[in-house]
Amino acid sequence: MTDIDVLEQLNEQPPSILCLDDEANVLKSLVRLLRQYKFDVSVSTSGHDALEKMQKKQFDVVISDMRMPLMSGAEFLAKARKVAPDSQRILLTGFSDLESTISAVNEGGIHAYVQKPWQNDHLISVIQSGVEKFRLKKQNEILQRHVNQQNEQLKELNTNLEQLVEKRTKQIRSVLKKLEVANESEKREHQSTVELLYNFINANPYLDGKRAENIAGTCTQIARYLNVSQKSIELAPIAGYLAQIGLLAMDPELYNKPINELNEVQRKTFYTHPSISQLMLMPATHLSDVSDAIYHQFERYNGKGIPKGLAKNDIPIGAMVLSVARDYWEGYEQSEPLLTTKQRHQFALNSIKSNSGSLYHPRIVDALEASHAKLITSDSSIGSIKVMSAQELEENMILANSLHSHTGIMLLPKGHIFNTKSIVKLQQLEAKKPTPFRIMVKMAK
């Protein structure tokens, strides 16, 4: 069973809850309540029996009463923490048990406590929150394992790619680490997070960074003509830059050739990459709208898309914009190469217009057509950032990200202001490379 299968299986299984209480009537009340919400419920009347069940089965949430004759709730939860540290632990306690509750917090590491008699809505809310935390951690573990497995496979590539694979592995591990702490510094690191993730796409030999830039630029143009908020305009291109990020956790065999050349199983796996993207971006809460847009990018206006079959205005507007921009550039790439650039753009536009009202929202198609003239001549950039080779550098441009050699040695620090000497030196180094540098710079004001 693949990691993707394990992930899908985890999401499909009902949450598993273990309830411990020495009073049969309390257990019956809990079982009756929890089964209304489709939870898989197991019960125990003693701490020893509950611990045995936990050794045989994994539970999302463990609920324990405080006062029990042979083993208190605090003692049980302390032992349960050692048996299954990932399971979320909830204590049911009376008002007079404050001292024991503090002991349970310190020794049992409980995640929440609910006073008896409980309110059903409150208890269900606490349990659902615990299930969400448990499953998110498991999903992250599966994603990390899947990424590590793919990294091992990439090591089998030819010698010319070995250094690139090593760099990519470190980058993916680095971004996962950064995303874990993104909630604490989300506003400050907003731009750097996007630039970092976008670099991974550029570093992958099978993904087209230029295509991502084109899609991002088109998302921006469409958003402007839709007259949406400034925040939406700023977020629109980010979905374009990161739409392919989930592919980094997949076998390159799934995306280094056209989709129509994949077999049915491969295509099904390929179309899960938006779900993987959503998992990778989940800790970065400031990118939640971007994450939703990427996740729903294959929905269709007529409701015949994936993954949820949403229709019309139920589809997030960011996803509908991304869908039009992505398919526009796919049409451009599939057009006859002998046509002029203007003719190829017209071919792509006609392809989108022919599916207005079926695959795409008519209003977004109109916005694409209205922005078409600017689209052909617009420059692609990450906010004020531009990606260019050493040959394109000019004096007074500012380096947006520190620049490293292929061996990981820093060539120039972030914030360096280019001068004649540093430009010439980079051009000399670039001449010795098989491919040009991709230098992220911003123009001095």
Protein backbone atom coordinates (compact mmCIF):
# COMPACT_ATOMS: atom_id res chain seq x y z
CA MET A 1 0.00 0.00 0.00
CA THR A 2 1.43 3.38 -1.02
CA ASP A 3 1.65 6.42 1.28
CA ILE A 4 -1.11 8.07 -0.78
CA ASP A 5 -3.31 5.01 -0.17
CA VAL A 6 -2.52 5.16 3.56
CA LEU A 7 -3.42 8.87 3.57
CA GLU A 8 -6.73 8.24 1.78
CA GLN A 9 -7.50 5.33 4.10
CA LEU A 10 -6.84 7.53 7.15
CA ASN A 11 -9.22 10.19 5.87
CA GLU A 12 -11.94 7.63 5.05
CA GLN A 13 -11.86 5.83 8.41
CA PRO A 14 -14.25 7.13 11.12
CA PRO A 15 -12.42 8.66 14.12
CA SER A 16 -11.66 6.06 16.79
CA ILE A 17 -12.50 7.06 20.36
CA LEU A 18 -11.70 5.18 23.61
CA CYS A 19 -13.87 6.02 26.64
CA LEU A 20 -12.84 5.01 30.20
CA ASP A 21 -15.22 5.27 33.18
CA ASP A 22 -16.08 2.88 36.03
CA GLU A 23 -19.77 3.80 35.81
CA ALA A 24 -21.71 1.86 33.16
CA ASN A 25 -24.40 4.55 32.85
CA VAL A 26 -21.78 7.19 32.00
CA LEU A 27 -20.27 4.95 29.33
CA LYS A 28 -23.70 4.31 27.82
CA SER A 29 -24.34 8.05 27.63
CA LEU A 30 -20.98 8.64 25.94
CA VAL A 31 -21.48 5.82 23.44
CA ARG A 32 -24.97 7.01 22.55
CA LEU A 33 -23.76 10.59 22.02
CA LEU A 34 -20.59 9.77 20.05
CA ARG A 35 -22.23 7.26 17.71
CA GLN A 36 -24.65 9.98 16.62
CA TYR A 37 -21.58 11.65 15.10
CA LYS A 38 -20.35 8.44 13.39
CA PHE A 39 -17.41 7.90 15.78
CA ASP A 40 -15.97 4.40 16.22
CA VAL A 41 -16.32 4.01 20.01
CA SER A 42 -14.59 1.54 22.35
CA VAL A 43 -15.21 1.47 26.12
CA SER A 44 -13.38 0.27 29.25
CA THR A 45 -14.33 0.23 32.90
CA SER A 46 -10.76 0.00 34.23
CA GLY A 47 -7.44 1.64 33.44
CA HIS A 48 -5.66 -1.69 32.94
CA ASP A 49 -8.21 -2.84 30.36
CA ALA A 50 -8.01 0.51 28.55
CA LEU A 51 -4.20 0.32 28.35
CA GLU A 52 -4.44 -3.18 26.86
CA LYS A 53 -6.83 -1.88 24.20
CA MET A 54 -4.43 0.97 23.38
CA GLN A 55 -1.59 -1.51 22.83
CA LYS A 56 -3.69 -3.37 20.26
CA LYS A 57 -5.36 -0.45 18.47
CA GLN A 58 -4.59 3.16 17.64
CA PHE A 59 -7.13 5.70 18.92
CA ASP A 60 -7.53 9.28 17.70
CA VAL A 61 -8.85 10.42 21.09
CA VAL A 62 -8.82 8.88 24.60
CA ILE A 63 -11.40 10.13 27.13
CA SER A 64 -11.03 9.26 30.82
CA ASP A 65 -13.00 10.01 33.96
CA MET A 66 -10.94 11.39 36.87
CA ARG A 67 -12.33 9.49 39.86
CA MET A 68 -11.98 5.72 39.57
CA PRO A 69 -11.19 3.20 42.33
CA LEU A 70 -8.10 1.27 41.15
CA MET A 71 -6.40 3.83 38.91
CA SER A 72 -7.24 7.52 38.78
CA GLY A 73 -7.71 9.35 35.50
CA ALA A 74 -4.44 11.24 36.06
CA GLU A 75 -2.53 7.98 36.59
CA PHE A 76 -4.14 6.34 33.56
CA LEU A 77 -3.47 9.26 31.22
CA ALA A 78 0.18 9.41 32.32
CA LYS A 79 0.56 5.74 31.31
CA ALA A 80 -1.52 6.23 28.16
CA ARG A 81 0.86 9.03 27.12
CA LYS A 82 3.72 6.51 27.07
CA VAL A 83 1.75 3.83 25.21
CA ALA A 84 0.35 6.15 22.50
CA PRO A 85 1.87 9.65 22.70
CA ASP A 86 0.05 10.87 19.56
CA SER A 87 -3.45 10.07 20.80
CA GLN A 88 -5.25 13.18 22.08
CA ARG A 89 -6.09 12.84 25.80
CA ILE A 90 -9.26 14.38 27.30
CA LEU A 91 -10.13 14.30 31.02
CA LEU A 92 -13.68 14.32 32.42
CA THR A 93 -13.50 15.96 35.84
CA GLY A 94 -15.76 17.37 38.54
CA PHE A 95 -15.57 20.94 39.85
CA SER A 96 -13.99 19.73 43.11
CA ASP A 97 -11.15 17.90 41.33
CA LEU A 98 -9.05 20.99 40.51
CA GLU A 99 -5.90 19.68 42.22
CA SER A 100 -6.20 16.31 40.47
CA THR A 101 -6.80 18.05 37.14
CA ILE A 102 -3.57 20.00 37.54
CA SER A 103 -1.81 16.70 38.23
CA ALA A 104 -3.29 15.24 35.04
CA VAL A 105 -2.05 18.24 33.06
CA ASN A 106 1.46 17.88 34.43
CA GLU A 107 1.80 14.10 34.46
CA GLY A 108 -0.65 12.90 31.84
CA GLY A 109 -0.05 15.72 29.37
CA ILE A 110 -3.76 16.03 28.71
CA HIS A 111 -4.81 18.14 25.74
CA ALA A 112 -8.16 19.22 27.19
CA TYR A 113 -10.49 18.70 30.13
CA VAL A 114 -14.29 18.88 30.33
CA GLN A 115 -16.22 19.37 33.55
CA LYS A 116 -18.99 16.97 34.49
CA PRO A 117 -21.86 17.09 33.86
CA TRP A 118 -20.79 17.97 30.35
CA GLN A 119 -22.68 19.86 27.65
CA ASN A 120 -22.98 17.66 24.58
CA ASP A 121 -22.12 20.37 22.06
CA HIS A 122 -19.03 21.41 23.99
CA LEU A 123 -17.80 17.84 24.45
CA ILE A 124 -18.26 17.04 20.75
CA SER A 125 -16.41 20.23 19.80
CA VAL A 126 -13.46 19.29 22.04
CA ILE A 127 -13.37 15.73 20.62
CA GLN A 128 -13.54 16.92 17.00
CA SER A 129 -10.69 19.34 17.67
CA GLY A 130 -8.65 16.47 19.13
CA VAL A 131 -9.36 14.26 16.10
CA GLU A 132 -8.27 17.06 13.76
CA LYS A 133 -4.97 17.54 15.63
CA PHE A 134 -4.27 13.79 15.74
CA ARG A 135 -4.94 13.31 12.03
CA LEU A 136 -2.98 16.37 10.99
CA LYS A 137 0.07 15.02 12.77
CA LYS A 138 -0.38 11.61 11.13
CA GLN A 139 -0.81 13.25 7.72
CA ASN A 140 2.40 15.20 8.21
CA GLU A 141 4.23 12.00 9.17
CA ILE A 142 2.94 10.25 6.04
CA LEU A 143 3.90 13.20 3.86
CA GLN A 144 7.39 13.34 5.39
CA ARG A 145 7.85 9.60 4.86
CA HIS A 146 6.59 9.88 1.29
CA VAL A 147 8.98 12.75 0.55
CA ASN A 148 11.88 10.79 2.03
CA GLN A 149 11.00 7.76 -0.12
CA GLN A 150 10.93 9.90 -3.24
CA ASN A 151 14.28 11.40 -2.31
CA GLU A 152 15.75 7.91 -2.14
CA GLN A 153 14.43 7.12 -5.61
CA LEU A 154 15.85 10.34 -7.00
CA LYS A 155 19.34 9.28 -5.94
CA GLU A 156 19.20 6.68 -8.69
CA LEU A 157 19.17 9.37 -11.39
CA ASN A 158 22.27 9.82 -13.55
CA THR A 159 25.44 11.47 -12.26
CA ASN A 160 24.64 14.86 -13.75
CA LEU A 161 21.54 15.12 -11.52
CA GLU A 162 23.05 13.80 -8.26
CA GLN A 163 24.04 17.21 -6.93
CA LEU A 164 20.67 18.66 -7.88
CA VAL A 165 18.84 15.81 -6.12
CA GLU A 166 20.89 16.34 -2.97
CA LYS A 167 20.09 20.06 -3.02
CA ARG A 168 16.39 19.38 -3.61
CA THR A 169 16.24 16.90 -0.71
CA LYS A 170 17.69 19.46 1.68
CA GLN A 171 15.35 22.13 0.36
CA ILE A 172 12.21 20.04 0.85
CA ARG A 173 13.22 19.09 4.38
CA SER A 174 14.03 22.72 5.06
CA VAL A 175 10.65 24.00 3.86
CA LEU A 176 8.77 21.44 5.93
CA LYS A 177 10.68 22.69 8.97
CA LYS A 178 9.88 26.30 8.09
CA LEU A 179 6.20 25.53 7.60
CA GLU A 180 5.99 24.04 11.10
CA VAL A 181 6.75 27.45 12.62
CA ALA A 182 5.03 29.57 9.97
CA ASN A 183 2.04 30.32 12.21
CA GLU A 184 4.23 32.31 14.59
CA SER A 185 5.76 34.49 11.88
CA GLU A 186 3.30 34.15 9.02
CA LYS A 187 3.00 37.82 8.12
CA ARG A 188 6.73 38.49 8.29
CA GLU A 189 7.67 35.42 6.27
CA HIS A 190 4.84 35.59 3.72
CA GLN A 191 7.04 36.66 0.81
CA SER A 192 10.04 34.52 1.74
CA THR A 193 7.87 31.40 2.05
CA VAL A 194 6.54 31.84 -1.48
CA GLU A 195 10.01 32.53 -2.91
CA LEU A 196 11.45 29.50 -1.13
CA LEU A 197 8.77 27.12 -2.39
CA TYR A 198 8.98 28.58 -5.90
CA ASN A 199 12.73 27.85 -5.87
CA PHE A 200 11.98 24.13 -5.44
CA ILE A 201 10.03 24.09 -8.69
CA ASN A 202 12.89 25.82 -10.49
CA ALA A 203 15.37 23.33 -9.02
CA ASN A 204 13.42 20.30 -10.28
CA PRO A 205 14.59 19.21 -13.76
CA TYR A 206 11.11 17.99 -14.75
CA LEU A 207 9.07 21.03 -13.70
CA ASP A 208 8.83 24.25 -15.72
CA GLY A 209 9.48 27.31 -13.55
CA LYS A 210 8.82 29.60 -16.50
CA ARG A 211 5.37 28.08 -16.95
CA ALA A 212 4.64 28.76 -13.27
CA GLU A 213 5.66 32.40 -13.82
CA ASN A 214 3.35 32.69 -16.82
CA ILE A 215 0.40 31.21 -14.93
CA ALA A 216 1.06 33.52 -11.99
CA GLY A 217 1.18 36.58 -14.24
CA THR A 218 -2.11 35.60 -15.87
CA CYS A 219 -3.74 35.09 -12.45
CA THR A 220 -2.71 38.64 -11.55
CA GLN A 221 -4.12 40.13 -14.76
CA ILE A 222 -7.44 38.30 -14.34
CA ALA A 223 -7.74 39.32 -10.67
CA ARG A 224 -7.23 42.98 -11.57
CA TYR A 225 -9.98 42.92 -14.18
CA LEU A 226 -12.32 41.16 -11.75
CA ASN A 227 -12.05 44.21 -9.50
CA VAL A 228 -11.46 42.11 -6.38
CA SER A 229 -9.78 43.29 -3.17
CA GLN A 230 -6.11 44.26 -3.06
CA LYS A 231 -5.42 41.25 -0.86
CA SER A 232 -6.98 38.91 -3.45
CA ILE A 233 -4.89 40.52 -6.19
CA GLU A 234 -1.73 39.97 -4.12
CA LEU A 235 -2.60 36.32 -3.41
CA ALA A 236 -3.73 35.47 -6.97
CA PRO A 237 -0.24 34.96 -8.48
CA ILE A 238 0.98 32.92 -5.51
CA ALA A 239 -1.44 30.12 -6.42
CA GLY A 240 0.07 30.16 -9.92
CA TYR A 241 3.63 29.94 -8.62
CA LEU A 242 2.85 27.10 -6.21
CA ALA A 243 0.22 25.13 -8.16
CA GLN A 244 2.78 22.41 -8.94
CA ILE A 245 4.46 22.20 -5.51
CA GLY A 246 2.72 18.90 -4.63
CA LEU A 247 4.42 17.22 -7.59
CA LEU A 248 7.73 17.43 -5.72
CA ALA A 249 6.54 14.60 -3.48
CA MET A 250 5.68 12.37 -6.45
CA ASP A 251 7.60 10.07 -8.74
CA PRO A 252 8.96 12.19 -11.66
CA GLU A 253 7.59 9.51 -13.98
CA LEU A 254 4.12 10.96 -13.28
CA TYR A 255 4.89 14.46 -14.53
CA ASN A 256 7.84 14.34 -16.91
CA LYS A 257 5.54 13.40 -19.80
CA PRO A 258 2.06 14.45 -21.03
CA ILE A 259 -0.91 13.35 -18.91
CA ASN A 260 -2.50 11.55 -21.88
CA GLU A 261 0.47 9.16 -21.92
CA LEU A 262 -0.18 8.00 -18.32
CA ASN A 263 -2.20 4.89 -17.57
CA GLU A 264 -5.39 5.11 -15.50
CA VAL A 265 -3.68 4.41 -12.15
CA GLN A 266 -0.93 6.94 -12.87
CA ARG A 267 -3.46 9.62 -13.86
CA LYS A 268 -5.44 9.02 -10.69
CA THR A 269 -2.26 9.40 -8.64
CA PHE A 270 -1.19 12.49 -10.59
CA TYR A 271 -4.44 14.30 -9.81
CA THR A 272 -3.80 13.89 -6.07
CA HIS A 273 -0.96 16.43 -6.22
CA PRO A 274 -3.28 19.34 -5.21
CA SER A 275 -4.12 17.40 -2.02
CA ILE A 276 -0.42 16.98 -1.28
CA SER A 277 0.09 20.70 -1.95
CA GLN A 278 -2.64 21.47 0.57
CA LEU A 279 -0.93 19.33 3.20
CA MET A 280 2.42 21.00 2.57
CA LEU A 281 0.87 24.48 2.87
CA MET A 282 -1.46 23.69 5.78
CA PRO A 283 0.85 25.00 8.56
CA ALA A 284 1.17 28.34 6.70
CA THR A 285 -2.25 29.63 7.73
CA HIS A 286 -1.68 32.98 6.02
CA LEU A 287 -1.71 31.04 2.72
CA SER A 288 -5.02 29.27 3.43
CA ASP A 289 -6.79 30.96 0.50
CA VAL A 290 -3.91 29.98 -1.78
CA SER A 291 -4.05 26.42 -0.45
CA ASP A 292 -7.80 26.22 -1.18
CA ALA A 293 -7.27 27.55 -4.71
CA ILE A 294 -4.62 24.92 -5.44
CA TYR A 295 -6.68 22.11 -3.88
CA HIS A 296 -9.78 22.92 -5.99
CA GLN A 297 -7.92 23.85 -9.21
CA PHE A 298 -9.44 20.92 -11.14
CA GLU A 299 -13.06 21.68 -10.23
CA ARG A 300 -15.29 22.58 -13.18
CA TYR A 301 -17.98 25.25 -13.42
CA ASN A 302 -20.53 22.60 -14.47
CA GLY A 303 -19.82 20.50 -11.36
CA LYS A 304 -18.05 17.67 -13.22
CA GLY A 305 -14.57 18.32 -11.83
CA ILE A 306 -12.51 16.94 -8.95
CA PRO A 307 -11.96 16.48 -6.04
CA LYS A 308 -15.38 17.54 -4.68
CA GLY A 309 -17.50 18.08 -7.77
CA LEU A 310 -18.27 21.66 -6.74
CA ALA A 311 -20.19 23.81 -9.21
CA LYS A 312 -20.47 27.51 -10.09
CA ASN A 313 -19.97 29.91 -7.18
CA ASP A 314 -19.38 27.07 -4.70
CA ILE A 315 -15.90 26.81 -6.19
CA PRO A 316 -13.40 29.21 -4.51
CA ILE A 317 -12.80 32.14 -6.85
CA GLY A 318 -9.04 31.67 -6.56
CA ALA A 319 -9.40 28.11 -7.86
CA MET A 320 -11.49 29.27 -10.84
CA VAL A 321 -8.92 31.95 -11.71
CA LEU A 322 -6.06 29.43 -11.40
CA SER A 323 -7.93 26.91 -13.58
CA VAL A 324 -8.38 29.42 -16.41
CA ALA A 325 -4.78 30.66 -16.18
CA ARG A 326 -3.35 27.13 -16.07
CA ASP A 327 -5.38 25.84 -19.01
CA TYR A 328 -4.69 29.01 -20.98
CA TRP A 329 -0.95 28.33 -20.91
CA GLU A 330 -1.48 24.63 -21.52
CA GLY A 331 -3.38 25.61 -24.68
CA TYR A 332 -0.56 27.96 -25.65
CA GLU A 333 2.02 25.17 -25.26
CA GLN A 334 -0.11 22.75 -27.27
CA SER A 335 -0.63 25.18 -30.15
CA GLU A 336 1.27 24.85 -33.42
CA PRO A 337 4.89 26.00 -32.78
CA LEU A 338 5.12 27.50 -36.29
CA LEU A 339 2.44 30.05 -35.47
CA THR A 340 3.48 33.54 -34.38
CA THR A 341 3.43 34.34 -30.67
CA LYS A 342 0.30 36.45 -31.11
CA GLN A 343 -1.44 33.63 -33.00
CA ARG A 344 -0.54 31.11 -30.30
CA HIS A 345 -1.99 33.41 -27.63
CA GLN A 346 -5.17 33.79 -29.69
CA PHE A 347 -5.42 30.01 -30.04
CA ALA A 348 -5.17 29.63 -26.25
CA LEU A 349 -7.81 32.33 -25.68
CA ASN A 350 -10.22 30.74 -28.18
CA SER A 351 -9.80 27.38 -26.42
CA ILE A 352 -10.81 28.93 -23.09
CA LYS A 353 -13.73 30.89 -24.58
CA SER A 354 -15.14 27.76 -26.21
CA ASN A 355 -15.61 26.23 -22.74
CA SER A 356 -17.02 29.32 -21.02
CA GLY A 357 -20.04 28.36 -18.93
CA SER A 358 -19.15 24.67 -18.93
CA LEU A 359 -15.58 24.29 -17.66
CA TYR A 360 -14.97 27.91 -16.69
CA HIS A 361 -16.86 30.76 -15.02
CA PRO A 362 -18.04 33.17 -17.78
CA ARG A 363 -17.06 36.22 -15.73
CA ILE A 364 -13.48 34.97 -15.36
CA VAL A 365 -13.28 34.14 -19.06
CA ASP A 366 -14.42 37.71 -19.81
CA ALA A 367 -11.69 39.03 -17.49
CA LEU A 368 -9.11 36.92 -19.33
CA GLU A 369 -10.24 38.31 -22.66
CA ALA A 370 -10.24 41.88 -21.34
CA SER A 371 -6.67 41.49 -20.08
CA HIS A 372 -5.44 39.63 -23.14
CA ALA A 373 -3.51 42.49 -24.73
CA LYS A 374 -1.59 43.19 -21.51
CA LEU A 375 -1.14 39.48 -20.93
CA ILE A 376 0.95 38.99 -24.05
CA THR A 377 3.47 41.67 -23.10
CA SER A 378 3.43 41.46 -19.29
CA ASP A 379 6.54 40.56 -17.28
CA SER A 380 6.39 37.70 -14.79
CA SER A 381 7.64 38.42 -11.30
CA ILE A 382 7.05 37.47 -7.65
CA GLY A 383 5.67 40.76 -6.39
CA SER A 384 8.60 43.14 -7.01
CA ILE A 385 10.92 40.17 -7.58
CA LYS A 386 12.19 39.14 -11.03
CA VAL A 387 14.04 35.97 -12.00
CA MET A 388 16.88 36.45 -14.47
CA SER A 389 20.26 35.15 -15.62
CA ALA A 390 23.62 36.82 -14.94
CA GLN A 391 23.61 38.20 -18.48
CA GLU A 392 20.45 40.21 -17.71
CA LEU A 393 21.76 41.86 -14.54
CA GLU A 394 22.16 45.62 -14.31
CA GLU A 395 23.83 47.87 -11.75
CA ASN A 396 21.80 48.84 -8.66
CA MET A 397 19.56 45.77 -8.87
CA ILE A 398 19.11 44.23 -5.40
CA LEU A 399 19.53 40.50 -4.71
CA ALA A 400 16.24 39.24 -3.20
CA ASN A 401 17.58 35.87 -2.00
CA SER A 402 21.11 34.79 -1.13
CA LEU A 403 22.80 33.18 -4.15
CA HIS A 404 24.61 29.84 -3.78
CA SER A 405 26.79 27.74 -6.06
CA HIS A 406 25.76 24.22 -7.05
CA THR A 407 27.89 22.92 -4.14
CA GLY A 408 26.01 25.07 -1.63
CA ILE A 409 28.64 27.79 -1.19
CA MET A 410 27.15 31.27 -0.78
CA LEU A 411 28.24 33.51 -3.64
CA LEU A 412 26.36 36.66 -2.61
CA PRO A 413 24.20 37.50 0.44
CA LYS A 414 20.58 38.61 0.31
CA GLY A 415 20.37 42.39 -0.14
CA HIS A 416 23.55 42.68 -2.21
CA ILE A 417 23.41 45.67 -4.57
CA PHE A 418 24.89 44.64 -7.89
CA ASN A 419 27.80 46.59 -9.32
CA THR A 420 30.00 46.11 -12.38
CA LYS A 421 32.48 43.90 -10.53
CA SER A 422 29.91 41.47 -9.06
CA ILE A 423 27.98 41.27 -12.35
CA VAL A 424 31.11 40.42 -14.37
CA LYS A 425 32.15 37.79 -11.84
CA LEU A 426 28.72 36.08 -11.97
CA GLN A 427 28.72 36.17 -15.76
CA GLN A 428 32.10 34.41 -15.76
CA LEU A 429 30.79 31.73 -13.40
CA GLU A 430 27.62 31.34 -15.44
CA ALA A 431 29.65 30.74 -18.61
CA LYS A 432 31.08 27.62 -16.97
CA LYS A 433 27.65 26.25 -16.03
CA PRO A 434 25.51 24.03 -18.32
CA THR A 435 22.47 26.20 -17.55
CA PRO A 436 22.16 29.91 -16.65
CA PHE A 437 21.74 31.12 -13.08
CA ARG A 438 18.19 31.85 -11.91
CA ILE A 439 18.88 34.97 -9.87
CA MET A 440 16.02 36.56 -7.91
CA VAL A 441 16.42 40.35 -7.90
CA LYS A 442 14.34 43.45 -7.26
CA MET A 443 14.83 46.80 -8.90
CA ALA A 444 16.11 49.68 -6.75
CA LYS A 445 13.51 52.42 -6.28
